[in-house]
Amino acid sequence: MLRLRNLKFSLLATVSTEDPKAVGAVLETVIGSKGTFASVGEKEFQIRAEMEGESAKDLNRSLMSQLRRAEKKTRLRAEWTHGDVTERFFDYVFKKRSENKR
């Protein structure tokens, strides 16, 4: 079986939820030592982290699934960056891919 190598992605995301306590517990488990997350307002979190995976899509899907298990009305706006490429997602949906010029 062909296995793709894991790539390192930088994550910058905002999570909105109706149950900050439940989602905060999930973020503590998922993000942990990979980065930071902080409460912004009553029902929102800001996330910055470094995560490894086969693709931004897979990492986004995994994170969103875990968040939705804790609270179904949770929303995720995420930017996953690897090298010069940034991919943006809203919940599970891919929105945009951009090449960062150096």
N, C-alpha and C. Protein backbone atom coordinates (compact mmCIF):
# COMPACT_ATOMS: atom_id res chain seq x y z
N MET A 1 0.83 -1.18 0.00
CA MET A 1 0.00 0.00 0.00
C MET A 1 0.88 1.24 0.00
N LEU A 2 0.59 2.17 -0.88
CA LEU A 2 1.34 3.42 -0.99
C LEU A 2 0.91 4.35 0.12
N ARG A 3 1.85 4.85 0.87
CA ARG A 3 1.55 5.78 1.96
C ARG A 3 2.24 7.09 1.68
N LEU A 4 1.46 8.16 1.70
CA LEU A 4 2.02 9.49 1.51
C LEU A 4 2.75 9.92 2.78
N ARG A 5 3.74 10.74 2.63
CA ARG A 5 4.45 11.21 3.81
C ARG A 5 3.68 12.34 4.47
N ASN A 6 3.85 12.47 5.75
CA ASN A 6 3.20 13.55 6.47
C ASN A 6 3.93 14.86 6.21
N LEU A 7 3.16 15.89 5.99
CA LEU A 7 3.69 17.23 5.77
C LEU A 7 3.38 18.08 6.99
N LYS A 8 4.18 19.10 7.20
CA LYS A 8 3.96 19.99 8.34
C LYS A 8 3.16 21.20 7.88
N PHE A 9 2.05 21.47 8.54
CA PHE A 9 1.17 22.59 8.22
C PHE A 9 1.07 23.54 9.40
N SER A 10 1.00 24.83 9.09
CA SER A 10 0.69 25.84 10.09
C SER A 10 -0.80 26.10 10.01
N LEU A 11 -1.43 26.14 11.14
CA LEU A 11 -2.87 26.36 11.21
C LEU A 11 -3.15 27.70 11.88
N LEU A 12 -4.00 28.49 11.26
CA LEU A 12 -4.55 29.70 11.86
C LEU A 12 -6.04 29.58 11.68
N ALA A 13 -6.79 29.54 12.79
CA ALA A 13 -8.22 29.25 12.69
C ALA A 13 -9.03 29.99 13.74
N THR A 14 -10.31 30.15 13.43
CA THR A 14 -11.29 30.68 14.36
C THR A 14 -12.40 29.64 14.49
N VAL A 15 -12.76 29.32 15.73
CA VAL A 15 -13.82 28.37 16.01
C VAL A 15 -14.93 29.10 16.75
N SER A 16 -16.15 29.01 16.24
CA SER A 16 -17.32 29.58 16.91
C SER A 16 -18.21 28.43 17.36
N THR A 17 -18.78 28.55 18.56
CA THR A 17 -19.56 27.44 19.09
C THR A 17 -20.62 27.92 20.08
N GLU A 18 -21.61 27.10 20.27
CA GLU A 18 -22.64 27.36 21.28
C GLU A 18 -22.25 26.77 22.63
N ASP A 19 -21.24 25.89 22.65
CA ASP A 19 -20.81 25.24 23.89
C ASP A 19 -19.29 25.36 24.04
N PRO A 20 -18.81 26.54 24.47
CA PRO A 20 -17.37 26.76 24.58
C PRO A 20 -16.66 25.79 25.52
N LYS A 21 -17.33 25.34 26.57
CA LYS A 21 -16.69 24.43 27.51
C LYS A 21 -16.36 23.09 26.86
N ALA A 22 -17.31 22.52 26.11
CA ALA A 22 -17.10 21.24 25.44
C ALA A 22 -16.06 21.37 24.33
N VAL A 23 -16.14 22.43 23.56
CA VAL A 23 -15.20 22.63 22.46
C VAL A 23 -13.81 22.94 23.00
N GLY A 24 -13.72 23.68 24.08
CA GLY A 24 -12.42 23.96 24.71
C GLY A 24 -11.72 22.69 25.14
N ALA A 25 -12.49 21.73 25.67
CA ALA A 25 -11.91 20.44 26.07
C ALA A 25 -11.36 19.68 24.87
N VAL A 26 -12.09 19.73 23.75
CA VAL A 26 -11.62 19.07 22.52
C VAL A 26 -10.35 19.75 22.02
N LEU A 27 -10.33 21.06 22.02
CA LEU A 27 -9.15 21.79 21.56
C LEU A 27 -7.94 21.49 22.43
N GLU A 28 -8.14 21.35 23.73
CA GLU A 28 -7.04 21.00 24.63
C GLU A 28 -6.44 19.66 24.24
N THR A 29 -7.28 18.71 23.87
CA THR A 29 -6.83 17.38 23.48
C THR A 29 -6.16 17.40 22.10
N VAL A 30 -6.80 18.05 21.14
CA VAL A 30 -6.32 18.04 19.75
C VAL A 30 -5.10 18.94 19.56
N ILE A 31 -5.16 20.15 20.07
CA ILE A 31 -4.07 21.12 19.88
C ILE A 31 -2.95 20.85 20.87
N GLY A 32 -3.29 20.73 22.15
CA GLY A 32 -2.32 20.40 23.19
C GLY A 32 -1.00 21.14 23.05
N SER A 33 0.09 20.41 22.90
CA SER A 33 1.42 21.01 22.80
C SER A 33 1.79 21.42 21.38
N LYS A 34 0.87 21.21 20.42
CA LYS A 34 1.15 21.55 19.01
C LYS A 34 0.98 23.03 18.73
N GLY A 35 0.40 23.76 19.68
CA GLY A 35 0.16 25.17 19.45
C GLY A 35 -0.60 25.79 20.60
N THR A 36 -1.32 26.87 20.29
CA THR A 36 -2.08 27.57 21.31
C THR A 36 -3.48 27.84 20.82
N PHE A 37 -4.38 27.98 21.77
CA PHE A 37 -5.72 28.44 21.46
C PHE A 37 -6.17 29.31 22.62
N ALA A 38 -6.95 30.32 22.30
CA ALA A 38 -7.41 31.25 23.32
C ALA A 38 -8.84 31.65 23.04
N SER A 39 -9.56 31.90 24.10
CA SER A 39 -10.94 32.35 23.99
C SER A 39 -10.95 33.80 23.52
N VAL A 40 -11.79 34.09 22.54
CA VAL A 40 -11.95 35.44 22.02
C VAL A 40 -13.44 35.73 22.08
N GLY A 41 -13.86 36.46 23.06
CA GLY A 41 -15.29 36.65 23.24
C GLY A 41 -15.88 35.47 23.98
N GLU A 42 -17.21 35.45 24.08
CA GLU A 42 -17.88 34.41 24.85
C GLU A 42 -17.91 33.05 24.17
N LYS A 43 -18.03 33.04 22.85
CA LYS A 43 -18.27 31.77 22.14
C LYS A 43 -17.32 31.53 20.98
N GLU A 44 -16.10 32.03 21.10
CA GLU A 44 -15.17 31.92 19.98
C GLU A 44 -13.76 31.65 20.50
N PHE A 45 -13.01 30.88 19.71
CA PHE A 45 -11.61 30.58 20.01
C PHE A 45 -10.74 30.94 18.81
N GLN A 46 -9.53 31.38 19.08
CA GLN A 46 -8.51 31.62 18.06
C GLN A 46 -7.46 30.54 18.24
N ILE A 47 -7.07 29.88 17.14
CA ILE A 47 -6.10 28.78 17.20
C ILE A 47 -4.89 29.10 16.34
N ARG A 48 -3.71 28.80 16.87
CA ARG A 48 -2.46 28.82 16.11
C ARG A 48 -1.73 27.53 16.47
N ALA A 49 -1.39 26.75 15.45
CA ALA A 49 -0.75 25.46 15.74
C ALA A 49 0.06 24.97 14.55
N GLU A 50 0.92 24.02 14.83
CA GLU A 50 1.69 23.30 13.81
C GLU A 50 1.23 21.86 13.88
N MET A 51 0.73 21.33 12.76
CA MET A 51 0.23 19.96 12.75
C MET A 51 0.79 19.22 11.54
N GLU A 52 0.88 17.91 11.66
CA GLU A 52 1.38 17.08 10.57
C GLU A 52 0.27 16.19 10.03
N GLY A 53 0.24 16.07 8.70
CA GLY A 53 -0.73 15.21 8.06
C GLY A 53 -0.44 15.09 6.58
N GLU A 54 -1.23 14.27 5.90
CA GLU A 54 -1.02 14.04 4.47
C GLU A 54 -1.49 15.21 3.62
N SER A 55 -2.51 15.94 4.09
CA SER A 55 -3.01 17.10 3.33
C SER A 55 -3.77 18.02 4.26
N ALA A 56 -3.92 19.26 3.82
CA ALA A 56 -4.70 20.22 4.58
C ALA A 56 -6.15 19.75 4.67
N LYS A 57 -6.66 19.17 3.61
CA LYS A 57 -8.04 18.68 3.60
C LYS A 57 -8.25 17.62 4.67
N ASP A 58 -7.33 16.67 4.78
CA ASP A 58 -7.45 15.61 5.78
C ASP A 58 -7.37 16.16 7.20
N LEU A 59 -6.43 17.07 7.43
CA LEU A 59 -6.30 17.67 8.76
C LEU A 59 -7.54 18.48 9.12
N ASN A 60 -8.05 19.24 8.17
CA ASN A 60 -9.24 20.05 8.41
C ASN A 60 -10.45 19.16 8.72
N ARG A 61 -10.62 18.11 7.94
CA ARG A 61 -11.74 17.18 8.14
C ARG A 61 -11.66 16.53 9.53
N SER A 62 -10.48 16.13 9.92
CA SER A 62 -10.30 15.50 11.22
C SER A 62 -10.63 16.47 12.36
N LEU A 63 -10.10 17.68 12.28
CA LEU A 63 -10.37 18.69 13.30
C LEU A 63 -11.86 19.03 13.36
N MET A 64 -12.47 19.25 12.22
CA MET A 64 -13.88 19.61 12.19
C MET A 64 -14.75 18.48 12.75
N SER A 65 -14.44 17.25 12.41
CA SER A 65 -15.21 16.11 12.92
C SER A 65 -15.15 16.02 14.44
N GLN A 66 -13.96 16.22 14.99
CA GLN A 66 -13.82 16.17 16.44
C GLN A 66 -14.58 17.32 17.11
N LEU A 67 -14.54 18.49 16.52
CA LEU A 67 -15.27 19.63 17.07
C LEU A 67 -16.78 19.41 17.01
N ARG A 68 -17.25 18.87 15.89
CA ARG A 68 -18.69 18.63 15.73
C ARG A 68 -19.21 17.52 16.63
N ARG A 69 -18.35 16.58 17.00
CA ARG A 69 -18.78 15.55 17.96
C ARG A 69 -19.09 16.19 19.31
N ALA A 70 -18.34 17.23 19.67
CA ALA A 70 -18.57 17.91 20.95
C ALA A 70 -19.78 18.84 20.88
N GLU A 71 -19.97 19.52 19.76
CA GLU A 71 -21.07 20.47 19.59
C GLU A 71 -21.40 20.60 18.10
N LYS A 72 -22.59 20.18 17.73
CA LYS A 72 -22.98 20.13 16.31
C LYS A 72 -23.00 21.50 15.62
N LYS A 73 -23.25 22.56 16.38
CA LYS A 73 -23.34 23.90 15.78
C LYS A 73 -22.00 24.63 15.72
N THR A 74 -20.92 23.91 15.89
CA THR A 74 -19.60 24.52 15.84
C THR A 74 -19.22 24.86 14.40
N ARG A 75 -18.58 26.04 14.23
CA ARG A 75 -18.12 26.49 12.92
C ARG A 75 -16.61 26.70 12.95
N LEU A 76 -15.97 26.36 11.85
CA LEU A 76 -14.51 26.45 11.76
C LEU A 76 -14.12 27.21 10.51
N ARG A 77 -13.36 28.27 10.69
CA ARG A 77 -12.75 29.00 9.58
C ARG A 77 -11.24 28.79 9.74
N ALA A 78 -10.64 28.08 8.79
CA ALA A 78 -9.25 27.67 8.95
C ALA A 78 -8.40 27.98 7.74
N GLU A 79 -7.15 28.34 8.01
CA GLU A 79 -6.12 28.52 6.98
C GLU A 79 -4.99 27.56 7.32
N TRP A 80 -4.72 26.65 6.38
CA TRP A 80 -3.65 25.67 6.54
C TRP A 80 -2.54 26.04 5.56
N THR A 81 -1.32 26.28 6.07
CA THR A 81 -0.20 26.70 5.23
C THR A 81 0.91 25.67 5.28
N HIS A 82 1.37 25.28 4.09
CA HIS A 82 2.53 24.40 3.95
C HIS A 82 3.41 25.03 2.87
N GLY A 83 4.63 25.40 3.25
CA GLY A 83 5.52 26.06 2.30
C GLY A 83 4.92 27.38 1.83
N ASP A 84 4.77 27.50 0.52
CA ASP A 84 4.24 28.73 -0.07
C ASP A 84 2.76 28.65 -0.40
N VAL A 85 2.08 27.63 0.06
CA VAL A 85 0.67 27.43 -0.30
C VAL A 85 -0.21 27.52 0.95
N THR A 86 -1.26 28.31 0.85
CA THR A 86 -2.26 28.41 1.91
C THR A 86 -3.60 27.96 1.36
N GLU A 87 -4.26 27.06 2.10
CA GLU A 87 -5.58 26.58 1.72
C GLU A 87 -6.56 27.00 2.80
N ARG A 88 -7.68 27.61 2.37
CA ARG A 88 -8.69 28.09 3.30
C ARG A 88 -9.93 27.20 3.25
N PHE A 89 -10.50 26.98 4.44
CA PHE A 89 -11.70 26.15 4.57
C PHE A 89 -12.72 26.85 5.45
N PHE A 90 -13.98 26.63 5.16
CA PHE A 90 -15.07 27.01 6.05
C PHE A 90 -15.79 25.72 6.39
N ASP A 91 -15.76 25.33 7.64
CA ASP A 91 -16.23 24.03 8.09
C ASP A 91 -15.51 22.95 7.29
N TYR A 92 -16.23 22.08 6.59
CA TYR A 92 -15.59 21.02 5.80
C TYR A 92 -15.26 21.47 4.38
N VAL A 93 -15.73 22.63 3.98
CA VAL A 93 -15.69 23.05 2.58
C VAL A 93 -14.42 23.83 2.24
N PHE A 94 -13.71 23.36 1.21
CA PHE A 94 -12.55 24.06 0.68
C PHE A 94 -13.02 25.33 0.00
N LYS A 95 -12.38 26.46 0.29
CA LYS A 95 -12.78 27.74 -0.29
C LYS A 95 -11.75 28.31 -1.27
N LYS A 96 -10.48 28.26 -0.91
CA LYS A 96 -9.50 28.95 -1.75
C LYS A 96 -8.10 28.41 -1.49
N ARG A 97 -7.30 28.40 -2.55
CA ARG A 97 -5.90 28.03 -2.46
C ARG A 97 -5.10 29.21 -3.00
N SER A 98 -4.09 29.65 -2.26
CA SER A 98 -3.28 30.77 -2.73
C SER A 98 -1.80 30.47 -2.54
N GLU A 99 -1.04 30.97 -3.48
CA GLU A 99 0.42 30.83 -3.43
C GLU A 99 0.98 32.09 -2.78
N ASN A 100 1.73 31.90 -1.71
CA ASN A 100 2.35 33.03 -1.00
C ASN A 100 3.66 33.37 -1.69
N LYS A 101 3.82 34.62 -2.07
CA LYS A 101 5.05 35.03 -2.74
C LYS A 101 6.05 35.52 -1.71
N ARG A 102 7.27 35.10 -1.87
CA ARG A 102 8.33 35.50 -0.91
C ARG A 102 9.17 36.59 -1.47
